[in-house]
N, C-alpha and C. Protein backbone atom coordinates (compact mmCIF):
# COMPACT_ATOMS: atom_id res chain seq x y z
N MET A 1 0.84 -1.21 0.00
CA MET A 1 0.00 0.00 0.00
C MET A 1 0.87 1.26 0.00
N ILE A 2 1.99 1.19 0.75
CA ILE A 2 2.91 2.33 0.80
C ILE A 2 3.49 2.59 -0.59
N GLN A 3 3.90 1.49 -1.28
CA GLN A 3 4.48 1.62 -2.61
C GLN A 3 3.45 2.20 -3.59
N LYS A 4 2.19 1.73 -3.47
CA LYS A 4 1.13 2.24 -4.35
C LYS A 4 0.93 3.74 -4.13
N TYR A 5 0.98 4.18 -2.85
CA TYR A 5 0.81 5.60 -2.58
C TYR A 5 1.93 6.42 -3.20
N ILE A 6 3.17 5.93 -3.08
CA ILE A 6 4.31 6.64 -3.64
C ILE A 6 4.17 6.77 -5.15
N GLN A 7 3.76 5.67 -5.79
CA GLN A 7 3.62 5.67 -7.25
C GLN A 7 2.52 6.61 -7.73
N ASN A 8 1.45 6.71 -6.95
CA ASN A 8 0.28 7.50 -7.38
C ASN A 8 0.17 8.84 -6.66
N ASN A 9 1.26 9.28 -6.04
CA ASN A 9 1.19 10.48 -5.22
C ASN A 9 0.70 11.70 -5.99
N SER A 10 1.20 11.89 -7.20
CA SER A 10 0.80 13.06 -7.99
C SER A 10 -0.68 13.00 -8.35
N LEU A 11 -1.19 11.80 -8.60
CA LEU A 11 -2.61 11.63 -8.91
C LEU A 11 -3.46 11.93 -7.69
N TYR A 12 -3.03 11.42 -6.53
CA TYR A 12 -3.74 11.71 -5.29
C TYR A 12 -3.78 13.21 -5.03
N LEU A 13 -2.65 13.87 -5.26
CA LEU A 13 -2.55 15.31 -5.01
C LEU A 13 -3.51 16.07 -5.92
N HIS A 14 -3.56 15.69 -7.17
CA HIS A 14 -4.46 16.35 -8.12
C HIS A 14 -5.92 16.20 -7.69
N LYS A 15 -6.31 15.00 -7.30
CA LYS A 15 -7.68 14.74 -6.87
C LYS A 15 -8.01 15.50 -5.58
N SER A 16 -7.04 15.55 -4.67
CA SER A 16 -7.26 16.27 -3.40
C SER A 16 -7.42 17.76 -3.63
N GLN A 17 -6.65 18.29 -4.56
CA GLN A 17 -6.77 19.71 -4.91
C GLN A 17 -8.14 20.01 -5.50
N GLN A 18 -8.63 19.10 -6.36
CA GLN A 18 -9.95 19.28 -6.95
C GLN A 18 -11.03 19.20 -5.88
N LEU A 19 -10.84 18.28 -4.92
CA LEU A 19 -11.79 18.16 -3.81
C LEU A 19 -11.85 19.46 -3.02
N ALA A 20 -10.70 20.03 -2.73
CA ALA A 20 -10.67 21.30 -1.99
C ALA A 20 -11.39 22.40 -2.76
N ASN A 21 -11.20 22.42 -4.07
CA ASN A 21 -11.89 23.42 -4.90
C ASN A 21 -13.40 23.20 -4.89
N ASP A 22 -13.83 21.93 -4.93
CA ASP A 22 -15.26 21.62 -4.89
C ASP A 22 -15.89 22.07 -3.57
N ILE A 23 -15.18 21.83 -2.47
CA ILE A 23 -15.68 22.26 -1.16
C ILE A 23 -15.75 23.78 -1.09
N ASP A 24 -14.72 24.43 -1.64
CA ASP A 24 -14.63 25.89 -1.58
C ASP A 24 -15.78 26.56 -2.33
N LYS A 25 -16.37 25.87 -3.29
CA LYS A 25 -17.51 26.41 -4.02
C LYS A 25 -18.76 26.44 -3.14
N VAL A 26 -18.80 25.55 -2.15
CA VAL A 26 -19.96 25.45 -1.25
C VAL A 26 -19.72 26.19 0.05
N LEU A 27 -18.50 26.09 0.55
CA LEU A 27 -18.11 26.69 1.83
C LEU A 27 -16.80 27.43 1.62
N SER A 28 -16.81 28.73 1.84
CA SER A 28 -15.59 29.51 1.65
C SER A 28 -14.53 29.06 2.65
N LEU A 29 -13.45 28.49 2.15
CA LEU A 29 -12.42 27.93 3.01
C LEU A 29 -11.32 28.94 3.32
N SER A 30 -10.81 28.88 4.54
CA SER A 30 -9.63 29.66 4.88
C SER A 30 -8.44 29.02 4.16
N PRO A 31 -7.40 29.79 3.89
CA PRO A 31 -6.25 29.25 3.13
C PRO A 31 -5.63 28.00 3.77
N LYS A 32 -5.50 27.97 5.09
CA LYS A 32 -4.84 26.83 5.73
C LYS A 32 -5.69 25.57 5.65
N VAL A 33 -6.99 25.69 5.82
CA VAL A 33 -7.86 24.51 5.72
C VAL A 33 -7.90 24.01 4.28
N LYS A 34 -7.99 24.92 3.34
CA LYS A 34 -8.00 24.52 1.94
C LYS A 34 -6.70 23.83 1.56
N ASP A 35 -5.59 24.34 2.03
CA ASP A 35 -4.29 23.75 1.74
C ASP A 35 -4.18 22.36 2.35
N ALA A 36 -4.70 22.20 3.58
CA ALA A 36 -4.64 20.89 4.26
C ALA A 36 -5.45 19.85 3.50
N ILE A 37 -6.63 20.23 3.04
CA ILE A 37 -7.46 19.30 2.27
C ILE A 37 -6.79 18.97 0.94
N SER A 38 -6.18 19.97 0.34
CA SER A 38 -5.50 19.79 -0.96
C SER A 38 -4.34 18.81 -0.87
N LYS A 39 -3.76 18.67 0.32
CA LYS A 39 -2.56 17.84 0.48
C LYS A 39 -2.82 16.51 1.18
N THR A 40 -4.10 16.17 1.40
CA THR A 40 -4.43 14.94 2.12
C THR A 40 -5.23 14.01 1.21
N ALA A 41 -4.67 12.86 0.91
CA ALA A 41 -5.30 11.90 -0.01
C ALA A 41 -6.44 11.17 0.69
N ARG A 42 -7.67 11.62 0.47
CA ARG A 42 -8.82 10.99 1.13
C ARG A 42 -8.97 9.52 0.71
N GLU A 43 -8.51 9.20 -0.46
CA GLU A 43 -8.61 7.83 -0.97
C GLU A 43 -7.97 6.82 -0.01
N ILE A 44 -6.92 7.25 0.68
CA ILE A 44 -6.23 6.37 1.62
C ILE A 44 -7.13 6.00 2.80
N PHE A 45 -8.11 6.84 3.10
CA PHE A 45 -8.91 6.69 4.32
C PHE A 45 -10.24 5.96 4.12
N VAL A 46 -10.59 5.65 2.89
CA VAL A 46 -11.88 4.99 2.65
C VAL A 46 -11.66 3.52 2.31
N PRO A 47 -12.66 2.65 2.58
CA PRO A 47 -12.52 1.22 2.28
C PRO A 47 -12.31 0.98 0.79
N GLN A 48 -11.71 -0.15 0.48
CA GLN A 48 -11.32 -0.48 -0.90
C GLN A 48 -12.49 -0.35 -1.88
N GLY A 49 -13.66 -0.83 -1.49
CA GLY A 49 -14.81 -0.83 -2.39
C GLY A 49 -15.40 0.54 -2.67
N PHE A 50 -14.91 1.56 -1.97
CA PHE A 50 -15.46 2.91 -2.14
C PHE A 50 -14.43 3.91 -2.65
N LYS A 51 -13.28 3.41 -3.13
CA LYS A 51 -12.22 4.30 -3.60
C LYS A 51 -12.71 5.25 -4.68
N HIS A 52 -13.60 4.76 -5.53
CA HIS A 52 -14.08 5.58 -6.65
C HIS A 52 -14.96 6.74 -6.19
N LEU A 53 -15.38 6.70 -4.90
CA LEU A 53 -16.21 7.77 -4.35
C LEU A 53 -15.44 8.66 -3.37
N ALA A 54 -14.15 8.41 -3.25
CA ALA A 54 -13.35 9.07 -2.21
C ALA A 54 -13.36 10.59 -2.31
N TYR A 55 -13.49 11.12 -3.53
CA TYR A 55 -13.39 12.57 -3.71
C TYR A 55 -14.73 13.23 -4.00
N LYS A 56 -15.81 12.51 -3.69
CA LYS A 56 -17.14 13.08 -3.74
C LYS A 56 -17.45 13.71 -2.38
N LEU A 57 -18.44 14.60 -2.33
CA LEU A 57 -18.79 15.28 -1.07
C LEU A 57 -19.79 14.45 -0.27
N ASP A 58 -19.45 13.17 -0.07
CA ASP A 58 -20.37 12.26 0.61
C ASP A 58 -19.67 11.57 1.77
N ALA A 59 -20.45 11.24 2.82
CA ALA A 59 -19.96 10.36 3.87
C ALA A 59 -19.92 8.94 3.32
N LEU A 60 -19.00 8.12 3.82
CA LEU A 60 -18.86 6.74 3.34
C LEU A 60 -18.73 5.78 4.52
N PRO A 61 -19.23 4.56 4.38
CA PRO A 61 -19.17 3.60 5.49
C PRO A 61 -17.76 3.06 5.72
N LEU A 62 -17.48 2.80 7.01
CA LEU A 62 -16.24 2.15 7.42
C LEU A 62 -16.61 0.81 8.06
N SER A 63 -15.63 0.10 8.54
CA SER A 63 -15.90 -1.12 9.30
C SER A 63 -16.46 -0.75 10.67
N ALA A 64 -16.95 -1.75 11.39
CA ALA A 64 -17.48 -1.58 12.75
C ALA A 64 -18.68 -0.63 12.79
N ASN A 65 -19.45 -0.57 11.69
CA ASN A 65 -20.65 0.28 11.63
C ASN A 65 -20.35 1.76 11.86
N GLN A 66 -19.19 2.19 11.42
CA GLN A 66 -18.80 3.59 11.54
C GLN A 66 -18.77 4.23 10.15
N TRP A 67 -18.54 5.54 10.13
CA TRP A 67 -18.55 6.29 8.87
C TRP A 67 -17.38 7.26 8.83
N ILE A 68 -16.87 7.50 7.62
CA ILE A 68 -15.96 8.62 7.39
C ILE A 68 -16.83 9.79 6.95
N SER A 69 -16.72 10.89 7.65
CA SER A 69 -17.58 12.05 7.40
C SER A 69 -17.40 12.59 5.99
N SER A 70 -18.43 13.26 5.53
CA SER A 70 -18.33 13.99 4.27
C SER A 70 -17.17 14.97 4.35
N PRO A 71 -16.40 15.14 3.26
CA PRO A 71 -15.33 16.13 3.26
C PRO A 71 -15.84 17.54 3.58
N LEU A 72 -17.08 17.82 3.19
CA LEU A 72 -17.67 19.12 3.49
C LEU A 72 -17.85 19.29 5.00
N THR A 73 -18.30 18.22 5.66
CA THR A 73 -18.46 18.27 7.11
C THR A 73 -17.11 18.42 7.81
N VAL A 74 -16.11 17.70 7.32
CA VAL A 74 -14.75 17.81 7.88
C VAL A 74 -14.27 19.26 7.76
N ALA A 75 -14.54 19.87 6.62
CA ALA A 75 -14.14 21.27 6.41
C ALA A 75 -14.88 22.19 7.37
N LYS A 76 -16.18 21.97 7.55
CA LYS A 76 -16.96 22.81 8.47
C LYS A 76 -16.44 22.69 9.90
N MET A 77 -16.14 21.46 10.33
CA MET A 77 -15.64 21.25 11.69
C MET A 77 -14.27 21.93 11.86
N SER A 78 -13.43 21.79 10.85
CA SER A 78 -12.09 22.40 10.91
C SER A 78 -12.18 23.92 10.98
N GLU A 79 -13.06 24.50 10.17
CA GLU A 79 -13.22 25.96 10.19
C GLU A 79 -13.80 26.43 11.52
N ALA A 80 -14.72 25.66 12.08
CA ALA A 80 -15.35 26.05 13.35
C ALA A 80 -14.33 26.09 14.49
N LEU A 81 -13.26 25.32 14.37
CA LEU A 81 -12.23 25.31 15.41
C LEU A 81 -11.41 26.60 15.45
N SER A 82 -11.51 27.42 14.40
CA SER A 82 -10.74 28.68 14.34
C SER A 82 -9.28 28.41 14.74
N LEU A 83 -8.57 27.67 13.91
CA LEU A 83 -7.27 27.09 14.28
C LEU A 83 -6.11 28.08 14.26
N GLU A 84 -6.31 29.29 13.81
CA GLU A 84 -5.24 30.28 13.79
C GLU A 84 -4.67 30.46 15.20
N GLY A 85 -3.38 30.22 15.36
CA GLY A 85 -2.72 30.38 16.65
C GLY A 85 -2.79 29.18 17.56
N ALA A 86 -3.53 28.14 17.16
CA ALA A 86 -3.64 26.94 17.99
C ALA A 86 -2.41 26.06 17.83
N ASP A 87 -1.98 25.45 18.93
CA ASP A 87 -0.81 24.59 18.92
C ASP A 87 -1.20 23.12 19.08
N SER A 88 -2.22 22.85 19.89
CA SER A 88 -2.60 21.47 20.18
C SER A 88 -4.11 21.28 20.04
N VAL A 89 -4.50 20.15 19.46
CA VAL A 89 -5.91 19.79 19.30
C VAL A 89 -6.13 18.38 19.81
N LEU A 90 -7.17 18.20 20.60
CA LEU A 90 -7.61 16.87 21.02
C LEU A 90 -8.85 16.50 20.22
N GLU A 91 -8.79 15.37 19.53
CA GLU A 91 -9.95 14.87 18.80
C GLU A 91 -10.50 13.65 19.51
N ILE A 92 -11.79 13.64 19.76
CA ILE A 92 -12.46 12.50 20.40
C ILE A 92 -13.27 11.79 19.33
N GLY A 93 -12.77 10.63 18.90
CA GLY A 93 -13.39 9.87 17.83
C GLY A 93 -12.54 9.90 16.57
N CYS A 94 -11.46 9.13 16.55
CA CYS A 94 -10.51 9.16 15.42
C CYS A 94 -11.13 8.61 14.14
N GLY A 95 -11.91 7.53 14.24
CA GLY A 95 -12.52 6.93 13.06
C GLY A 95 -11.48 6.53 12.03
N SER A 96 -11.65 6.99 10.80
CA SER A 96 -10.71 6.66 9.72
C SER A 96 -9.37 7.36 9.88
N GLY A 97 -9.37 8.47 10.61
CA GLY A 97 -8.15 9.27 10.77
C GLY A 97 -8.09 10.47 9.83
N TYR A 98 -9.09 10.61 8.96
CA TYR A 98 -9.05 11.69 7.96
C TYR A 98 -9.08 13.07 8.60
N GLN A 99 -9.98 13.27 9.56
CA GLN A 99 -10.05 14.57 10.22
C GLN A 99 -8.75 14.89 10.94
N ALA A 100 -8.18 13.92 11.62
CA ALA A 100 -6.90 14.14 12.32
C ALA A 100 -5.80 14.49 11.33
N ALA A 101 -5.81 13.84 10.17
CA ALA A 101 -4.80 14.12 9.16
C ALA A 101 -4.90 15.56 8.65
N ILE A 102 -6.12 16.03 8.45
CA ILE A 102 -6.32 17.42 8.04
C ILE A 102 -5.77 18.36 9.11
N LEU A 103 -6.12 18.10 10.36
CA LEU A 103 -5.67 18.96 11.46
C LEU A 103 -4.16 18.96 11.60
N SER A 104 -3.54 17.81 11.31
CA SER A 104 -2.09 17.68 11.48
C SER A 104 -1.30 18.61 10.55
N LYS A 105 -1.94 19.06 9.49
CA LYS A 105 -1.28 19.96 8.55
C LYS A 105 -1.46 21.43 8.91
N ILE A 106 -2.23 21.66 9.99
CA ILE A 106 -2.52 23.04 10.40
C ILE A 106 -1.93 23.36 11.77
N VAL A 107 -1.96 22.40 12.68
CA VAL A 107 -1.44 22.62 14.04
C VAL A 107 -0.23 21.72 14.30
N ARG A 108 0.53 22.06 15.32
CA ARG A 108 1.78 21.33 15.60
C ARG A 108 1.53 19.95 16.18
N ARG A 109 0.50 19.82 17.05
CA ARG A 109 0.26 18.54 17.72
C ARG A 109 -1.22 18.18 17.69
N VAL A 110 -1.50 16.96 17.26
CA VAL A 110 -2.87 16.44 17.26
C VAL A 110 -2.91 15.19 18.13
N PHE A 111 -3.84 15.17 19.05
CA PHE A 111 -4.05 14.01 19.93
C PHE A 111 -5.43 13.44 19.60
N THR A 112 -5.49 12.17 19.23
CA THR A 112 -6.77 11.61 18.81
C THR A 112 -7.05 10.31 19.54
N ILE A 113 -8.30 10.15 20.00
CA ILE A 113 -8.72 8.99 20.78
C ILE A 113 -9.76 8.20 19.99
N GLU A 114 -9.64 6.88 20.02
CA GLU A 114 -10.62 6.01 19.37
C GLU A 114 -10.96 4.84 20.30
N ARG A 115 -12.25 4.53 20.42
CA ARG A 115 -12.70 3.46 21.31
C ARG A 115 -12.75 2.10 20.63
N ILE A 116 -12.65 2.05 19.30
CA ILE A 116 -12.68 0.79 18.56
C ILE A 116 -11.25 0.48 18.10
N GLU A 117 -10.67 -0.55 18.65
CA GLU A 117 -9.25 -0.83 18.43
C GLU A 117 -8.93 -1.07 16.96
N LYS A 118 -9.78 -1.79 16.24
CA LYS A 118 -9.55 -2.07 14.83
C LYS A 118 -9.46 -0.78 14.02
N LEU A 119 -10.37 0.15 14.26
CA LEU A 119 -10.34 1.43 13.55
C LEU A 119 -9.06 2.20 13.84
N LEU A 120 -8.66 2.20 15.11
CA LEU A 120 -7.46 2.95 15.48
C LEU A 120 -6.22 2.36 14.82
N ASN A 121 -6.12 1.05 14.80
CA ASN A 121 -4.96 0.42 14.17
C ASN A 121 -4.90 0.73 12.69
N GLU A 122 -6.06 0.75 12.03
CA GLU A 122 -6.11 1.09 10.60
C GLU A 122 -5.70 2.54 10.38
N ALA A 123 -6.18 3.43 11.25
CA ALA A 123 -5.82 4.86 11.13
C ALA A 123 -4.32 5.06 11.32
N LYS A 124 -3.74 4.36 12.28
CA LYS A 124 -2.30 4.49 12.53
C LYS A 124 -1.48 4.06 11.31
N LYS A 125 -1.94 3.02 10.61
CA LYS A 125 -1.25 2.59 9.39
C LYS A 125 -1.32 3.66 8.31
N ARG A 126 -2.47 4.31 8.22
CA ARG A 126 -2.63 5.38 7.23
C ARG A 126 -1.69 6.56 7.54
N PHE A 127 -1.59 6.91 8.81
CA PHE A 127 -0.68 8.00 9.19
C PHE A 127 0.76 7.65 8.80
N GLU A 128 1.10 6.37 8.97
CA GLU A 128 2.45 5.91 8.60
C GLU A 128 2.67 6.02 7.10
N ILE A 129 1.68 5.59 6.32
CA ILE A 129 1.79 5.66 4.86
C ILE A 129 2.00 7.09 4.41
N LEU A 130 1.28 8.02 5.04
CA LEU A 130 1.35 9.43 4.67
C LEU A 130 2.49 10.17 5.35
N ASN A 131 3.28 9.43 6.15
CA ASN A 131 4.42 10.01 6.85
C ASN A 131 4.01 11.18 7.75
N ILE A 132 2.89 11.00 8.43
CA ILE A 132 2.42 12.01 9.39
C ILE A 132 2.96 11.63 10.77
N THR A 133 3.76 12.48 11.35
CA THR A 133 4.43 12.15 12.60
C THR A 133 3.97 12.98 13.80
N ASN A 134 3.06 13.92 13.58
CA ASN A 134 2.64 14.78 14.70
C ASN A 134 1.24 14.45 15.21
N ILE A 135 0.75 13.24 14.88
CA ILE A 135 -0.52 12.76 15.43
C ILE A 135 -0.22 11.72 16.49
N HIS A 136 -0.74 11.92 17.69
CA HIS A 136 -0.56 10.99 18.80
C HIS A 136 -1.90 10.29 19.05
N THR A 137 -1.88 8.96 19.10
CA THR A 137 -3.11 8.19 19.18
C THR A 137 -3.27 7.50 20.54
N ARG A 138 -4.53 7.26 20.90
CA ARG A 138 -4.83 6.58 22.16
C ARG A 138 -6.06 5.71 21.99
N PHE A 139 -5.97 4.47 22.42
CA PHE A 139 -7.11 3.56 22.45
C PHE A 139 -7.77 3.68 23.82
N ASP A 140 -8.96 4.29 23.85
CA ASP A 140 -9.61 4.56 25.14
C ASP A 140 -11.04 5.03 24.89
N ASP A 141 -11.78 5.14 25.96
CA ASP A 141 -13.11 5.76 25.94
C ASP A 141 -12.91 7.27 25.84
N GLY A 142 -13.35 7.85 24.73
CA GLY A 142 -13.14 9.28 24.51
C GLY A 142 -13.80 10.18 25.50
N ASN A 143 -14.83 9.68 26.19
CA ASN A 143 -15.51 10.50 27.19
C ASN A 143 -14.58 10.92 28.32
N ARG A 144 -13.47 10.22 28.47
CA ARG A 144 -12.51 10.56 29.53
C ARG A 144 -11.51 11.61 29.07
N GLY A 145 -11.43 11.83 27.76
CA GLY A 145 -10.42 12.76 27.26
C GLY A 145 -9.02 12.18 27.40
N TRP A 146 -8.04 13.06 27.47
CA TRP A 146 -6.63 12.64 27.56
C TRP A 146 -5.89 13.66 28.42
N ARG A 147 -5.97 13.48 29.72
CA ARG A 147 -5.48 14.48 30.67
C ARG A 147 -3.97 14.68 30.64
N THR A 148 -3.24 13.68 30.18
CA THR A 148 -1.77 13.74 30.21
C THR A 148 -1.23 14.99 29.53
N TYR A 149 -1.83 15.37 28.41
CA TYR A 149 -1.32 16.49 27.62
C TYR A 149 -2.20 17.73 27.71
N ALA A 150 -3.18 17.70 28.56
CA ALA A 150 -4.07 18.86 28.75
C ALA A 150 -3.31 19.96 29.49
N PRO A 151 -3.75 21.22 29.34
CA PRO A 151 -4.93 21.65 28.58
C PRO A 151 -4.63 21.83 27.09
N TYR A 152 -5.66 21.68 26.28
CA TYR A 152 -5.55 21.79 24.83
C TYR A 152 -6.09 23.13 24.35
N ASP A 153 -5.54 23.61 23.24
CA ASP A 153 -6.05 24.84 22.64
C ASP A 153 -7.42 24.62 22.02
N ARG A 154 -7.61 23.44 21.44
CA ARG A 154 -8.87 23.10 20.79
C ARG A 154 -9.24 21.65 21.11
N ILE A 155 -10.54 21.39 21.20
CA ILE A 155 -11.04 20.02 21.37
C ILE A 155 -12.16 19.82 20.35
N LEU A 156 -12.13 18.65 19.70
CA LEU A 156 -13.11 18.34 18.67
C LEU A 156 -13.75 16.99 18.95
N PHE A 157 -15.07 16.95 18.99
CA PHE A 157 -15.80 15.69 19.06
C PHE A 157 -16.17 15.28 17.64
N SER A 158 -15.78 14.08 17.23
CA SER A 158 -16.18 13.55 15.93
C SER A 158 -17.25 12.48 16.11
N ALA A 159 -18.09 12.67 17.10
CA ALA A 159 -19.26 11.83 17.35
C ALA A 159 -20.27 12.71 18.08
N SER A 160 -21.55 12.44 17.86
CA SER A 160 -22.58 13.32 18.42
C SER A 160 -22.88 12.98 19.87
N LEU A 161 -23.35 13.97 20.61
CA LEU A 161 -23.68 13.79 22.03
C LEU A 161 -24.63 14.91 22.46
N PRO A 162 -25.38 14.69 23.55
CA PRO A 162 -26.31 15.73 24.02
C PRO A 162 -25.59 16.99 24.48
N LYS A 163 -24.47 16.82 25.18
CA LYS A 163 -23.66 17.97 25.60
C LYS A 163 -22.28 17.46 26.03
N PRO A 164 -21.24 18.26 25.86
CA PRO A 164 -19.91 17.85 26.28
C PRO A 164 -19.82 17.78 27.80
N PRO A 165 -19.18 16.75 28.35
CA PRO A 165 -19.03 16.67 29.81
C PRO A 165 -18.11 17.78 30.34
N MET A 166 -18.37 18.21 31.55
CA MET A 166 -17.53 19.23 32.16
C MET A 166 -16.09 18.75 32.31
N SER A 167 -15.90 17.44 32.47
CA SER A 167 -14.55 16.90 32.61
C SER A 167 -13.72 17.14 31.35
N ILE A 168 -14.39 17.26 30.19
CA ILE A 168 -13.69 17.57 28.94
C ILE A 168 -13.40 19.07 28.87
N PHE A 169 -14.34 19.89 29.29
CA PHE A 169 -14.09 21.34 29.33
C PHE A 169 -12.91 21.66 30.25
N GLU A 170 -12.71 20.85 31.30
CA GLU A 170 -11.58 21.06 32.20
C GLU A 170 -10.25 20.84 31.49
N GLN A 171 -10.27 20.10 30.38
CA GLN A 171 -9.04 19.83 29.62
C GLN A 171 -8.82 20.85 28.50
N LEU A 172 -9.68 21.85 28.45
CA LEU A 172 -9.58 22.92 27.44
C LEU A 172 -8.99 24.17 28.08
N LYS A 173 -8.06 24.81 27.40
CA LYS A 173 -7.46 26.03 27.91
C LYS A 173 -8.49 27.15 28.01
N VAL A 174 -8.27 28.08 28.91
CA VAL A 174 -9.07 29.30 28.93
C VAL A 174 -8.77 30.05 27.63
N GLY A 175 -9.81 30.45 26.94
CA GLY A 175 -9.64 31.05 25.63
C GLY A 175 -9.71 30.02 24.51
N GLY A 176 -9.80 28.75 24.89
CA GLY A 176 -9.85 27.67 23.91
C GLY A 176 -11.24 27.45 23.35
N ILE A 177 -11.30 26.63 22.31
CA ILE A 177 -12.57 26.36 21.60
C ILE A 177 -12.81 24.85 21.54
N LEU A 178 -14.03 24.46 21.83
CA LEU A 178 -14.47 23.08 21.67
C LEU A 178 -15.57 23.05 20.62
N VAL A 179 -15.48 22.12 19.69
CA VAL A 179 -16.50 21.98 18.65
C VAL A 179 -17.06 20.56 18.72
N ALA A 180 -18.38 20.45 18.68
CA ALA A 180 -19.02 19.14 18.78
C ALA A 180 -20.34 19.11 18.05
N PRO A 181 -20.74 17.94 17.52
CA PRO A 181 -22.09 17.78 16.96
C PRO A 181 -23.07 17.53 18.11
N ILE A 182 -23.87 18.51 18.43
CA ILE A 182 -24.76 18.43 19.58
C ILE A 182 -26.16 17.99 19.15
N GLU A 183 -26.69 17.00 19.87
CA GLU A 183 -28.02 16.48 19.58
C GLU A 183 -29.08 17.38 20.22
N GLN A 184 -29.97 17.93 19.40
CA GLN A 184 -31.03 18.76 19.93
C GLN A 184 -32.25 18.74 19.01
N ASP A 185 -33.40 18.48 19.61
CA ASP A 185 -34.68 18.48 18.87
C ASP A 185 -34.66 17.55 17.66
N GLY A 186 -34.06 16.37 17.83
CA GLY A 186 -34.02 15.39 16.75
C GLY A 186 -33.02 15.68 15.66
N LYS A 187 -32.19 16.69 15.84
CA LYS A 187 -31.17 17.04 14.85
C LYS A 187 -29.80 17.02 15.51
N GLN A 188 -28.76 17.12 14.68
CA GLN A 188 -27.40 17.32 15.16
C GLN A 188 -26.90 18.65 14.63
N ILE A 189 -26.34 19.45 15.52
CA ILE A 189 -25.88 20.78 15.15
C ILE A 189 -24.40 20.93 15.49
N ILE A 190 -23.60 21.31 14.49
CA ILE A 190 -22.21 21.66 14.79
C ILE A 190 -22.24 22.87 15.71
N THR A 191 -21.68 22.71 16.89
CA THR A 191 -21.77 23.74 17.93
C THR A 191 -20.37 24.12 18.41
N LYS A 192 -20.15 25.41 18.51
CA LYS A 192 -18.85 25.95 18.92
C LYS A 192 -18.95 26.50 20.33
N PHE A 193 -18.10 26.00 21.22
CA PHE A 193 -18.06 26.44 22.62
C PHE A 193 -16.74 27.17 22.86
N THR A 194 -16.81 28.40 23.32
CA THR A 194 -15.60 29.17 23.61
C THR A 194 -15.50 29.38 25.12
N LYS A 195 -14.41 28.94 25.69
CA LYS A 195 -14.23 28.97 27.15
C LYS A 195 -13.51 30.25 27.59
N THR A 196 -14.09 30.96 28.54
CA THR A 196 -13.44 32.12 29.15
C THR A 196 -13.22 31.83 30.63
N ASN A 197 -12.68 32.81 31.34
CA ASN A 197 -12.46 32.63 32.78
C ASN A 197 -13.76 32.48 33.56
N THR A 198 -14.83 33.03 33.03
CA THR A 198 -16.08 33.08 33.80
C THR A 198 -17.23 32.27 33.23
N ARG A 199 -17.18 31.96 31.93
CA ARG A 199 -18.30 31.24 31.34
C ARG A 199 -17.90 30.57 30.03
N ILE A 200 -18.85 29.85 29.44
CA ILE A 200 -18.66 29.22 28.15
C ILE A 200 -19.69 29.79 27.18
N TYR A 201 -19.21 30.38 26.10
CA TYR A 201 -20.10 30.94 25.08
C TYR A 201 -20.42 29.88 24.03
N ILE A 202 -21.65 29.84 23.59
CA ILE A 202 -22.12 28.80 22.68
C ILE A 202 -22.62 29.42 21.37
N GLN A 203 -22.20 28.83 20.26
CA GLN A 203 -22.62 29.29 18.93
C GLN A 203 -23.02 28.10 18.08
N ASN A 204 -24.26 28.08 17.60
CA ASN A 204 -24.72 27.04 16.67
C ASN A 204 -24.27 27.40 15.27
N ILE A 205 -23.73 26.42 14.53
CA ILE A 205 -23.16 26.70 13.22
C ILE A 205 -23.97 26.09 12.08
N ASP A 206 -24.17 24.78 12.09
CA ASP A 206 -24.86 24.16 10.96
C ASP A 206 -25.29 22.75 11.33
N GLU A 207 -26.24 22.23 10.59
CA GLU A 207 -26.66 20.84 10.81
C GLU A 207 -25.59 19.89 10.30
N CYS A 208 -25.57 18.68 10.87
CA CYS A 208 -24.59 17.69 10.48
C CYS A 208 -25.15 16.30 10.80
N LEU A 209 -24.36 15.28 10.53
CA LEU A 209 -24.78 13.92 10.84
C LEU A 209 -23.56 13.08 11.19
N PHE A 210 -23.50 12.65 12.46
CA PHE A 210 -22.43 11.82 12.97
C PHE A 210 -23.01 10.61 13.68
N VAL A 211 -22.20 9.57 13.84
CA VAL A 211 -22.61 8.47 14.71
C VAL A 211 -22.55 8.97 16.15
N PRO A 212 -23.39 8.46 17.04
CA PRO A 212 -23.39 8.93 18.43
C PRO A 212 -22.19 8.42 19.20
N ILE A 213 -21.77 9.18 20.19
CA ILE A 213 -20.68 8.75 21.06
C ILE A 213 -21.18 7.61 21.94
N ILE A 214 -20.30 6.65 22.20
CA ILE A 214 -20.63 5.46 22.98
C ILE A 214 -19.59 5.29 24.08
N ASN A 215 -20.04 4.90 25.26
CA ASN A 215 -19.12 4.66 26.37
C ASN A 215 -18.37 3.34 26.19
N GLY A 216 -17.20 3.27 26.82
CA GLY A 216 -16.44 2.04 26.81
C GLY A 216 -15.57 1.87 25.58
N VAL A 217 -14.87 0.72 25.52
CA VAL A 217 -13.99 0.42 24.38
C VAL A 217 -14.41 -0.90 23.75
N LYS A 218 -13.96 -1.11 22.53
CA LYS A 218 -14.26 -2.34 21.79
C LYS A 218 -12.98 -2.88 21.17
N ARG A 219 -12.57 -4.06 21.62
CA ARG A 219 -11.35 -4.69 21.08
C ARG A 219 -11.68 -5.61 19.92
């Protein structure tokens, strides 16, 4: 697979650039997010039978009844994080690893947690193929976060939930931003939480569709 990526690198790059342009027609992208999408081969992150759909603006199924989000949704989540000046991001729900790969091209350190061991192992192989060295992975229940490297400048949930636990907000820096798909009134809304010394400000951004967060781990 590594050899195939090396041989087809220019083709992957061309397709990724076109994907970024397609997203930019729908959602005005900041230069850094557009550049990150342009340089990340989504084809590497989708199952073999769906390679021909890798550069469409659609979510695609993964193993273990999970999904790789639509590239448009990944772009919306990345933009909502307002990554300018951020050094570290914690992602809860690694999945295929595509979102973490995008973030790794914008910030210095990405920490990503996955509760399904098979998915995490597959994501780690993809990071190796792409020679991404600034993503740190953890097999754990994402609801606990990752206190070792806290506080983080940004935290991202890549699974839906009614509301983020306070224990996760405790791992966010003052002035930091948390983005999550929040379940409300039968819908999921990309929601931006900005933490200050005295309160947390909330901003609803757009509808989305994610698998729900689940407690525990799966080997």
